[in-house]
Amino acid sequence: MPLTQIFGDTTISIIGFLIILSFLVIIHELGHFITALLLKVRIEEFGVGYPPRARVLFHWRGIPFTLNWLPFGGFVKMEGEDGPEEGKAIKDNHSAHRDSHQSAFEPFYKKSRKTRLVVLLAGVVINFIFGIIAFSTVYTVQGFPRVVNEKELVIDQVIDASPAAEAGILSGDRVEAAIAEKSTDKTKQSFSTTTDFVNYVSQHNDEHLQLFFDRQGVEEEVFVYLRPRDKRPEGEGALGVGFAPPVVVYDFFPWWQMPFRGALVGFEESLSLSYQILVGFKTMITGLVFHAEIPQDISGPIGIVHQATKFGLFQSGWDTVLKFTGMLSVNLAILNFLPIPALDGGRAFFVIAEKFIGRKKREQIENKVNYAGFAFLLGLIILISIKDIWSIVSDVFQYFQSKPI
């Protein structure tokens, strides 16, 4: 691929990613904004982009809607959001105009714990709902994917000089069962899907595997070594085989059923993705604490843009872009829901804690913890970005190595 095309695709990916992320941040803030209005919390400003302020676009119900110089995301500013002192300090040229429209409204800190929790978590709910809508739209229009050959476990490729090749495994063999060398259970372990088999193999690296398979109707068995990660050539697995790609068909139902079925499948996919995000977050924290490293499958904004460029995300059609947007929206929802200081979940945690430790003590502790949490998040983003940049450098190096001299 010419370098000009790579840079062009990268530019498209950066712009596309920023537009999508800005949209998701703005609807997140709209969640806070709408619930604050409904629950009569006084709002100081709704901004598109981040300060410094460029100009006031218009006023609505006494609230200035502003355009800011940093062209990314947005924010909603509620009076007293950071406590009574912050609420007293807020004064601007629009205060009289604002008060005439929000005279019955109160600063955020004066509201009940229940009201504050609803406002704080409204952005999370909006992002999660948008994820469901995105997935539902794709399935409603394109049908519901169903894998028809995932259970066949047919080997499609055997890499030369791999353990599988040395054991005599051939393309076309169908895996039926296995017994791991160090497994306490010596009964045959069968597999319902390719994923089940891959997971089983990954749990028994650096062991020998007694593999049972079907070859043209005849049951065969071999003993094959499962290479650990440090003994595998780049791009190869423990066995050195590839499975036949799954055949996917799309199911359609009467038109009036499609939106309802789409919503159900979209909700299920959002829940499944949420679980995967939580598992990934746990893996990341465990890796940082016990191994002082970021797992390879964790990416930040730089890594996401790189992957989007690498796989041509923004050249793949509206359905792929919409599913990506839905996945990103659910990611934002889950990460903001977690009790991480400086994020919505962390702020909600302190609102709940206020019942037990009192408001004044809560404000003192929260301010300090939020500063520490912000520093932690910033440091984490820097570490992930360094890993992502190194991954890009490695890809570029491989690209030039593969060029003929």
Foldseek 3Di string as FASTA:
>chain_A
DDPVVLVVLLVVLVVLVQVLQQVLLLLLQVLLVVLCVVVQFQWAEKEQADDPWDAFPDDDLLYTYTYHDHHGHIHTHTQQPLHDVSNVPDDDPSVVVNCVRRVVGYGLVPDALVSNLSSLQRSLVSLLVLLLVLQLVLCLVPFDKDFDCQQFQFWQFADPPFQCVVQPHDHGKTWAWKAWPPDPDRDTHGDRGPVRVLVVLLVRAQTWMWTWIADPNDIDTTITHFHDPVPDDPPAGRGRIDTDDTDMDGDDDPSVCSSVVSSVVSNVVLVVLLVVLVVQVVVQVCCCPPVVAGDPPDADPLLVSVVCSVVVQVVPDPSSSSNVSSSVSSNVSNVLCDCQQPGSVVVSVLSVCCVPPNDVVSSVVNVVRNVVSVVVVVVVNVRNVVSSVVVVVVVVVVVVVPDDD
